[in-house]
Amino acid sequence: MAKSETMMSGRTSGAAHRRMKHGERRKQLIEVAVRFFSEFGFQGASTKSIAEAAGITEAVIYRHFATKKDLYSAILDYKLKQTGTPEWMGELRSLAAANEDQLLFRSVAGRILDAYRRDPDFQRLMIRASLEGHELSALLNSKIGLPVYEFLRDYVARRQAEGAFLKCDPGIAVFALIGLPTYFAMVTRLFGIRVVKASQSDVLDTATNLFLNGIVVGKPGKPVKPTRKPNSRSSREKY
């Protein structure tokens, strides 16, 4: 085991020797697995090292997760529930039904920025999964990535048919929408490059303005007014 992995194991196992209820142990194993996979990749982090960090035997992991795929799926389900993703999707559908273009797109951009701010380890883990062609990446795409993409693509296509949006490939338009906040979050949160002095609210306003001014039918270049005053910690936080 690598030195850094040994140190991580030591930091975690001290608090893990007490007996835990089934739900507590499952939650602990998921959180330890995310940290290990994020730091060492899927090849470098074994179930044995995860078990040692949790202060249990490897056999206990397989009592909670019969296969590695079960563990990967549990990680995603846990993270989606933790972040309130099902509720957020419901909010998006309500905004779409009311044709609230600005609020909908701002919510999508804000969700991306929040995800990298709150849980950079998980975002790093998913990048590793994609680069390594790991099945966790495919699971994420099937559970949330593709459904969100298809929802936004269909929304853009509907608004185009209604004459509200300019004609273009709706799928490419969705990539334009998510591209700016995703790259911005990666650079600032994962790479630690903080060259832009702006609050999250400023970033959201800029991203939403740029997208809407490029797709809404009408006079180009007219800025979209901010929809709300920043009042949360994430909105005030400087990058």
C-alpha atoms as a PDB file:
ATOM      1  CA  MET A   1       0.000   0.000   0.000  1.00  0.00           C
ATOM      2  CA  ALA A   2       1.320   3.462  -0.890  1.00  0.00           C
ATOM      3  CA  LYS A   3       2.396   5.760   1.929  1.00  0.00           C
ATOM      4  CA  SER A   4      -0.384   8.286   1.307  1.00  0.00           C
ATOM      5  CA  GLU A   5      -2.920   5.454   1.216  1.00  0.00           C
ATOM      6  CA  THR A   6      -1.573   4.109   4.518  1.00  0.00           C
ATOM      7  CA  MET A   7      -1.891   7.572   6.064  1.00  0.00           C
ATOM      8  CA  MET A   8      -5.463   7.879   4.827  1.00  0.00           C
ATOM      9  CA  SER A   9      -6.246   4.467   6.277  1.00  0.00           C
ATOM     10  CA  GLY A  10      -4.845   5.486   9.637  1.00  0.00           C
ATOM     11  CA  ARG A  11      -6.852   8.690   9.756  1.00  0.00           C
ATOM     12  CA  THR A  12     -10.098   6.867   9.138  1.00  0.00           C
ATOM     13  CA  SER A  13      -9.794   3.606  11.023  1.00  0.00           C
ATOM     14  CA  GLY A  14      -9.366   5.116  14.471  1.00  0.00           C
ATOM     15  CA  ALA A  15     -12.994   6.198  14.586  1.00  0.00           C
ATOM     16  CA  ALA A  16     -14.326   3.119  12.850  1.00  0.00           C
ATOM     17  CA  HIS A  17     -13.734   0.347  15.400  1.00  0.00           C
ATOM     18  CA  ARG A  18     -17.026   0.843  17.232  1.00  0.00           C
ATOM     19  CA  ARG A  19     -19.910  -1.300  16.082  1.00  0.00           C
ATOM     20  CA  MET A  20     -22.202   0.474  13.679  1.00  0.00           C
ATOM     21  CA  LYS A  21     -25.773  -0.096  12.642  1.00  0.00           C
ATOM     22  CA  HIS A  22     -26.296  -1.385   9.121  1.00  0.00           C
ATOM     23  CA  GLY A  23     -27.193   2.013   7.674  1.00  0.00           C
ATOM     24  CA  GLU A  24     -24.299   3.779   9.405  1.00  0.00           C
ATOM     25  CA  ARG A  25     -21.771   1.219   8.204  1.00  0.00           C
ATOM     26  CA  ARG A  26     -23.089   1.370   4.657  1.00  0.00           C
ATOM     27  CA  LYS A  27     -22.830   5.176   4.656  1.00  0.00           C
ATOM     28  CA  GLN A  28     -19.290   5.003   6.067  1.00  0.00           C
ATOM     29  CA  LEU A  29     -18.148   2.519   3.418  1.00  0.00           C
ATOM     30  CA  ILE A  30     -19.581   4.663   0.628  1.00  0.00           C
ATOM     31  CA  GLU A  31     -17.817   7.783   1.903  1.00  0.00           C
ATOM     32  CA  VAL A  32     -14.494   5.988   2.385  1.00  0.00           C
ATOM     33  CA  ALA A  33     -14.778   4.436  -1.088  1.00  0.00           C
ATOM     34  CA  VAL A  34     -15.374   7.847  -2.686  1.00  0.00           C
ATOM     35  CA  ARG A  35     -12.250   9.278  -1.026  1.00  0.00           C
ATOM     36  CA  PHE A  36     -10.071   6.323  -2.021  1.00  0.00           C
ATOM     37  CA  PHE A  37     -11.321   6.083  -5.601  1.00  0.00           C
ATOM     38  CA  SER A  38     -10.961   9.855  -5.981  1.00  0.00           C
ATOM     39  CA  GLU A  39      -7.352   9.885  -4.773  1.00  0.00           C
ATOM     40  CA  PHE A  40      -5.993   6.597  -6.090  1.00  0.00           C
ATOM     41  CA  GLY A  41      -8.259   5.734  -9.017  1.00  0.00           C
ATOM     42  CA  PHE A  42     -10.129   2.516  -9.517  1.00  0.00           C
ATOM     43  CA  GLN A  43      -6.985   0.492 -10.123  1.00  0.00           C
ATOM     44  CA  GLY A  44      -5.102   1.883  -7.147  1.00  0.00           C
ATOM     45  CA  ALA A  45      -7.837   1.644  -4.505  1.00  0.00           C
ATOM     46  CA  SER A  46      -8.669  -1.929  -3.537  1.00  0.00           C
ATOM     47  CA  THR A  47     -11.574  -3.175  -1.446  1.00  0.00           C
ATOM     48  CA  LYS A  48      -8.963  -4.392   1.018  1.00  0.00           C
ATOM     49  CA  SER A  49      -7.589  -0.878   1.539  1.00  0.00           C
ATOM     50  CA  ILE A  50     -11.110   0.514   1.853  1.00  0.00           C
ATOM     51  CA  ALA A  51     -11.909  -2.116   4.476  1.00  0.00           C
ATOM     52  CA  GLU A  52      -8.739  -1.301   6.428  1.00  0.00           C
ATOM     53  CA  ALA A  53      -9.592   2.394   6.387  1.00  0.00           C
ATOM     54  CA  ALA A  54     -13.063   1.589   7.713  1.00  0.00           C
ATOM     55  CA  GLY A  55     -11.650  -0.655  10.446  1.00  0.00           C
ATOM     56  CA  ILE A  56     -13.360  -3.810   9.184  1.00  0.00           C
ATOM     57  CA  THR A  57     -12.557  -6.916   7.180  1.00  0.00           C
ATOM     58  CA  GLU A  58     -12.972  -7.094   3.424  1.00  0.00           C
ATOM     59  CA  ALA A  59     -15.740  -9.652   3.915  1.00  0.00           C
ATOM     60  CA  VAL A  60     -17.900  -7.034   5.646  1.00  0.00           C
ATOM     61  CA  ILE A  61     -17.846  -4.895   2.496  1.00  0.00           C
ATOM     62  CA  TYR A  62     -19.276  -7.760   0.482  1.00  0.00           C
ATOM     63  CA  ARG A  63     -22.013  -8.279   3.058  1.00  0.00           C
ATOM     64  CA  HIS A  64     -23.178  -4.750   2.303  1.00  0.00           C
ATOM     65  CA  PHE A  65     -22.341  -4.770  -1.416  1.00  0.00           C
ATOM     66  CA  ALA A  66     -22.372  -8.184  -3.063  1.00  0.00           C
ATOM     67  CA  THR A  67     -20.427  -6.949  -6.084  1.00  0.00           C
ATOM     68  CA  LYS A  68     -18.306  -3.944  -6.949  1.00  0.00           C
ATOM     69  CA  LYS A  69     -21.064  -2.822  -9.297  1.00  0.00           C
ATOM     70  CA  ASP A  70     -23.433  -2.777  -6.312  1.00  0.00           C
ATOM     71  CA  LEU A  71     -20.955  -0.530  -4.495  1.00  0.00           C
ATOM     72  CA  TYR A  72     -20.655   1.807  -7.482  1.00  0.00           C
ATOM     73  CA  SER A  73     -24.431   2.008  -7.854  1.00  0.00           C
ATOM     74  CA  ALA A  74     -24.829   2.655  -4.120  1.00  0.00           C
ATOM     75  CA  ILE A  75     -22.307   5.512  -4.340  1.00  0.00           C
ATOM     76  CA  LEU A  76     -24.339   7.199  -7.049  1.00  0.00           C
ATOM     77  CA  ASP A  77     -27.687   6.642  -5.345  1.00  0.00           C
ATOM     78  CA  TYR A  78     -26.267   8.022  -2.092  1.00  0.00           C
ATOM     79  CA  LYS A  79     -24.830  11.097  -3.777  1.00  0.00           C
ATOM     80  CA  LEU A  80     -27.977  11.818  -5.776  1.00  0.00           C
ATOM     81  CA  LYS A  81     -30.125  11.556  -2.650  1.00  0.00           C
ATOM     82  CA  GLN A  82     -27.628  13.588  -0.610  1.00  0.00           C
ATOM     83  CA  THR A  83     -27.782  16.451  -3.106  1.00  0.00           C
ATOM     84  CA  GLY A  84     -31.555  16.347  -3.514  1.00  0.00           C
ATOM     85  CA  THR A  85     -31.337  15.548  -7.218  1.00  0.00           C
ATOM     86  CA  PRO A  86     -34.855  14.054  -7.558  1.00  0.00           C
ATOM     87  CA  GLU A  87     -36.361  17.188  -5.985  1.00  0.00           C
ATOM     88  CA  TRP A  88     -34.239  19.406  -8.210  1.00  0.00           C
ATOM     89  CA  MET A  89     -35.471  17.590 -11.307  1.00  0.00           C
ATOM     90  CA  GLY A  90     -39.014  18.254 -10.151  1.00  0.00           C
ATOM     91  CA  GLU A  91     -38.214  21.963  -9.881  1.00  0.00           C
ATOM     92  CA  LEU A  92     -36.787  21.970 -13.405  1.00  0.00           C
ATOM     93  CA  ARG A  93     -39.945  20.384 -14.772  1.00  0.00           C
ATOM     94  CA  SER A  94     -42.066  23.055 -13.079  1.00  0.00           C
ATOM     95  CA  LEU A  95     -39.894  25.830 -14.536  1.00  0.00           C
ATOM     96  CA  ALA A  96     -40.073  24.209 -17.967  1.00  0.00           C
ATOM     97  CA  ALA A  97     -43.861  23.942 -17.807  1.00  0.00           C
ATOM     98  CA  ALA A  98     -44.023  27.683 -17.108  1.00  0.00           C
ATOM     99  CA  ASN A  99     -41.488  28.533 -19.843  1.00  0.00           C
ATOM    100  CA  GLU A 100     -39.227  30.171 -17.248  1.00  0.00           C
ATOM    101  CA  ASP A 101     -36.183  30.138 -19.511  1.00  0.00           C
ATOM    102  CA  GLN A 102     -33.914  32.275 -17.370  1.00  0.00           C
ATOM    103  CA  LEU A 103     -34.708  30.574 -14.063  1.00  0.00           C
ATOM    104  CA  LEU A 104     -34.365  27.127 -15.608  1.00  0.00           C
ATOM    105  CA  PHE A 105     -30.980  27.758 -17.221  1.00  0.00           C
ATOM    106  CA  ARG A 106     -29.718  29.592 -14.154  1.00  0.00           C
ATOM    107  CA  SER A 107     -30.726  26.625 -12.010  1.00  0.00           C
ATOM    108  CA  VAL A 108     -28.780  24.237 -14.241  1.00  0.00           C
ATOM    109  CA  ALA A 109     -25.646  26.390 -14.137  1.00  0.00           C
ATOM    110  CA  GLY A 110     -26.002  26.862 -10.392  1.00  0.00           C
ATOM    111  CA  ARG A 111     -26.344  23.134  -9.846  1.00  0.00           C
ATOM    112  CA  ILE A 112     -23.070  22.520 -11.639  1.00  0.00           C
ATOM    113  CA  LEU A 113     -21.182  25.158  -9.648  1.00  0.00           C
ATOM    114  CA  ASP A 114     -22.631  23.887  -6.356  1.00  0.00           C
ATOM    115  CA  ALA A 115     -21.668  20.304  -7.151  1.00  0.00           C
ATOM    116  CA  TYR A 116     -17.989  21.202  -7.562  1.00  0.00           C
ATOM    117  CA  ARG A 117     -18.011  23.508  -4.542  1.00  0.00           C
ATOM    118  CA  ARG A 118     -19.659  21.063  -2.147  1.00  0.00           C
ATOM    119  CA  ASP A 119     -18.061  17.804  -3.226  1.00  0.00           C
ATOM    120  CA  PRO A 120     -14.891  18.165  -5.317  1.00  0.00           C
ATOM    121  CA  ASP A 121     -13.822  14.616  -4.372  1.00  0.00           C
ATOM    122  CA  PHE A 122     -16.865  13.142  -6.079  1.00  0.00           C
ATOM    123  CA  GLN A 123     -16.401  15.292  -9.170  1.00  0.00           C
ATOM    124  CA  ARG A 124     -12.756  14.236  -9.338  1.00  0.00           C
ATOM    125  CA  LEU A 125     -13.894  10.638  -8.963  1.00  0.00           C
ATOM    126  CA  MET A 126     -16.278  10.934 -11.897  1.00  0.00           C
ATOM    127  CA  ILE A 127     -13.573  12.449 -14.093  1.00  0.00           C
ATOM    128  CA  ARG A 128     -11.336   9.495 -13.223  1.00  0.00           C
ATOM    129  CA  ALA A 129     -14.178   7.123 -14.065  1.00  0.00           C
ATOM    130  CA  SER A 130     -14.637   8.723 -17.475  1.00  0.00           C
ATOM    131  CA  LEU A 131     -10.924   8.744 -18.283  1.00  0.00           C
ATOM    132  CA  GLU A 132     -10.500   5.114 -17.228  1.00  0.00           C
ATOM    133  CA  GLY A 133     -13.640   3.987 -19.063  1.00  0.00           C
ATOM    134  CA  HIS A 134     -14.982   2.740 -15.756  1.00  0.00           C
ATOM    135  CA  GLU A 135     -18.546   1.466 -15.423  1.00  0.00           C
ATOM    136  CA  LEU A 136     -19.274   4.079 -12.749  1.00  0.00           C
ATOM    137  CA  SER A 137     -19.235   6.701 -15.500  1.00  0.00           C
ATOM    138  CA  ALA A 138     -21.815   4.767 -17.518  1.00  0.00           C
ATOM    139  CA  LEU A 139     -23.967   4.357 -14.404  1.00  0.00           C
ATOM    140  CA  LEU A 140     -23.905   8.105 -13.734  1.00  0.00           C
ATOM    141  CA  ASN A 141     -24.849   8.872 -17.322  1.00  0.00           C
ATOM    142  CA  SER A 142     -27.784   6.460 -17.209  1.00  0.00           C
ATOM    143  CA  LYS A 143     -29.042   7.672 -13.818  1.00  0.00           C
ATOM    144  CA  ILE A 144     -28.769  11.441 -14.234  1.00  0.00           C
ATOM    145  CA  GLY A 145     -26.467  12.654 -17.023  1.00  0.00           C
ATOM    146  CA  LEU A 146     -28.494  11.444 -19.999  1.00  0.00           C
ATOM    147  CA  PRO A 147     -31.943  12.159 -18.463  1.00  0.00           C
ATOM    148  CA  VAL A 148     -30.952  15.774 -17.713  1.00  0.00           C
ATOM    149  CA  TYR A 149     -29.432  16.207 -21.172  1.00  0.00           C
ATOM    150  CA  GLU A 150     -32.521  14.820 -22.905  1.00  0.00           C
ATOM    151  CA  PHE A 151     -34.814  16.953 -20.764  1.00  0.00           C
ATOM    152  CA  LEU A 152     -32.920  20.146 -21.645  1.00  0.00           C
ATOM    153  CA  ARG A 153     -32.582  19.192 -25.318  1.00  0.00           C
ATOM    154  CA  ASP A 154     -36.326  18.567 -25.592  1.00  0.00           C
ATOM    155  CA  TYR A 155     -37.062  21.840 -23.806  1.00  0.00           C
ATOM    156  CA  VAL A 156     -34.857  23.815 -26.180  1.00  0.00           C
ATOM    157  CA  ALA A 157     -36.451  22.051 -29.170  1.00  0.00           C
ATOM    158  CA  ARG A 158     -39.947  22.872 -27.903  1.00  0.00           C
ATOM    159  CA  ARG A 159     -39.096  26.535 -27.360  1.00  0.00           C
ATOM    160  CA  GLN A 160     -37.623  26.642 -30.868  1.00  0.00           C
ATOM    161  CA  ALA A 161     -40.842  25.225 -32.283  1.00  0.00           C
ATOM    162  CA  GLU A 162     -42.760  27.912 -30.372  1.00  0.00           C
ATOM    163  CA  GLY A 163     -40.599  30.591 -31.962  1.00  0.00           C
ATOM    164  CA  ALA A 164     -38.926  31.662 -28.713  1.00  0.00           C
ATOM    165  CA  PHE A 165     -35.442  30.328 -29.492  1.00  0.00           C
ATOM    166  CA  LEU A 166     -33.308  30.643 -32.588  1.00  0.00           C
ATOM    167  CA  LYS A 167     -32.985  27.588 -34.796  1.00  0.00           C
ATOM    168  CA  CYS A 168     -29.907  25.471 -34.089  1.00  0.00           C
ATOM    169  CA  ASP A 169     -29.122  21.932 -33.031  1.00  0.00           C
ATOM    170  CA  PRO A 170     -30.799  21.708 -29.593  1.00  0.00           C
ATOM    171  CA  GLY A 171     -28.272  19.146 -28.402  1.00  0.00           C
ATOM    172  CA  ILE A 172     -25.364  21.461 -29.163  1.00  0.00           C
ATOM    173  CA  ALA A 173     -27.232  24.282 -27.433  1.00  0.00           C
ATOM    174  CA  VAL A 174     -27.381  22.166 -24.260  1.00  0.00           C
ATOM    175  CA  PHE A 175     -23.629  21.625 -24.392  1.00  0.00           C
ATOM    176  CA  ALA A 176     -23.189  25.390 -24.717  1.00  0.00           C
ATOM    177  CA  LEU A 177     -25.346  25.849 -21.633  1.00  0.00           C
ATOM    178  CA  ILE A 178     -23.450  23.390 -19.436  1.00  0.00           C
ATOM    179  CA  GLY A 179     -19.998  23.973 -20.890  1.00  0.00           C
ATOM    180  CA  LEU A 180     -19.184  27.347 -19.310  1.00  0.00           C
ATOM    181  CA  PRO A 181     -20.150  26.535 -15.692  1.00  0.00           C
ATOM    182  CA  THR A 182     -18.602  23.065 -15.901  1.00  0.00           C
ATOM    183  CA  TYR A 183     -15.238  24.267 -17.155  1.00  0.00           C
ATOM    184  CA  PHE A 184     -15.268  27.216 -14.773  1.00  0.00           C
ATOM    185  CA  ALA A 185     -15.964  24.909 -11.830  1.00  0.00           C
ATOM    186  CA  MET A 186     -13.253  22.452 -12.882  1.00  0.00           C
ATOM    187  CA  VAL A 187     -10.621  25.159 -13.209  1.00  0.00           C
ATOM    188  CA  THR A 188     -11.465  26.883  -9.926  1.00  0.00           C
ATOM    189  CA  ARG A 189     -12.374  23.913  -7.726  1.00  0.00           C
ATOM    190  CA  LEU A 190     -10.239  21.066  -9.043  1.00  0.00           C
ATOM    191  CA  PHE A 191      -7.233  22.901 -10.481  1.00  0.00           C
ATOM    192  CA  GLY A 192      -7.244  25.645  -7.842  1.00  0.00           C
ATOM    193  CA  ILE A 193      -6.862  28.463 -10.372  1.00  0.00           C
ATOM    194  CA  ARG A 194      -8.710  31.500  -8.993  1.00  0.00           C
ATOM    195  CA  VAL A 195      -8.058  34.249 -11.539  1.00  0.00           C
ATOM    196  CA  VAL A 196     -11.636  35.563 -11.650  1.00  0.00           C
ATOM    197  CA  LYS A 197     -12.763  37.638  -8.672  1.00  0.00           C
ATOM    198  CA  ALA A 198     -16.498  37.092  -8.833  1.00  0.00           C
ATOM    199  CA  SER A 199     -19.285  35.732  -6.678  1.00  0.00           C
ATOM    200  CA  GLN A 200     -21.236  32.663  -7.714  1.00  0.00           C
ATOM    201  CA  SER A 201     -24.193  34.950  -8.387  1.00  0.00           C
ATOM    202  CA  ASP A 202     -22.056  36.980 -10.811  1.00  0.00           C
ATOM    203  CA  VAL A 203     -20.919  33.817 -12.574  1.00  0.00           C
ATOM    204  CA  LEU A 204     -24.499  32.581 -12.874  1.00  0.00           C
ATOM    205  CA  ASP A 205     -25.737  35.907 -14.257  1.00  0.00           C
ATOM    206  CA  THR A 206     -22.935  36.011 -16.830  1.00  0.00           C
ATOM    207  CA  ALA A 207     -23.385  32.403 -17.924  1.00  0.00           C
ATOM    208  CA  THR A 208     -27.153  32.799 -18.210  1.00  0.00           C
ATOM    209  CA  ASN A 209     -26.856  36.095 -20.083  1.00  0.00           C
ATOM    210  CA  LEU A 210     -24.396  34.700 -22.603  1.00  0.00           C
ATOM    211  CA  PHE A 211     -26.530  31.662 -23.299  1.00  0.00           C
ATOM    212  CA  LEU A 212     -29.871  33.433 -23.525  1.00  0.00           C
ATOM    213  CA  ASN A 213     -28.511  36.287 -25.645  1.00  0.00           C
ATOM    214  CA  GLY A 214     -27.249  33.682 -28.065  1.00  0.00           C
ATOM    215  CA  ILE A 215     -30.463  31.688 -28.375  1.00  0.00           C
ATOM    216  CA  VAL A 216     -33.465  33.896 -27.604  1.00  0.00           C
ATOM    217  CA  VAL A 217     -35.216  35.339 -30.633  1.00  0.00           C
ATOM    218  CA  GLY A 218     -34.975  39.136 -30.613  1.00  0.00           C
ATOM    219  CA  LYS A 219     -32.396  41.877 -30.502  1.00  0.00           C
ATOM    220  CA  PRO A 220     -28.987  40.382 -29.598  1.00  0.00           C
ATOM    221  CA  GLY A 221     -26.813  41.869 -26.917  1.00  0.00           C
ATOM    222  CA  LYS A 222     -29.602  42.933 -24.566  1.00  0.00           C
ATOM    223  CA  PRO A 223     -28.530  41.814 -21.073  1.00  0.00           C
ATOM    224  CA  VAL A 224     -30.857  39.693 -18.996  1.00  0.00           C
ATOM    225  CA  LYS A 225     -31.598  41.278 -15.645  1.00  0.00           C
ATOM    226  CA  PRO A 226     -30.585  39.295 -12.538  1.00  0.00           C
ATOM    227  CA  THR A 227     -33.599  37.445 -11.174  1.00  0.00           C
ATOM    228  CA  ARG A 228     -32.757  37.656  -7.494  1.00  0.00           C
ATOM    229  CA  LYS A 229     -30.375  39.230  -5.051  1.00  0.00           C
ATOM    230  CA  PRO A 230     -27.582  36.962  -3.814  1.00  0.00           C
ATOM    231  CA  ASN A 231     -28.409  35.853  -0.297  1.00  0.00           C
ATOM    232  CA  SER A 232     -26.790  32.454   0.212  1.00  0.00           C
ATOM    233  CA  ARG A 233     -23.200  31.789   1.218  1.00  0.00           C
ATOM    234  CA  SER A 234     -22.483  30.182  -2.147  1.00  0.00           C
ATOM    235  CA  SER A 235     -23.873  33.221  -3.971  1.00  0.00           C
ATOM    236  CA  ARG A 236     -21.614  35.591  -2.022  1.00  0.00           C
ATOM    237  CA  GLU A 237     -18.512  33.424  -2.174  1.00  0.00           C
ATOM    238  CA  LYS A 238     -15.685  34.841  -4.259  1.00  0.00           C
ATOM    239  CA  TYR A 239     -13.854  32.649  -6.749  1.00  0.00           C
END
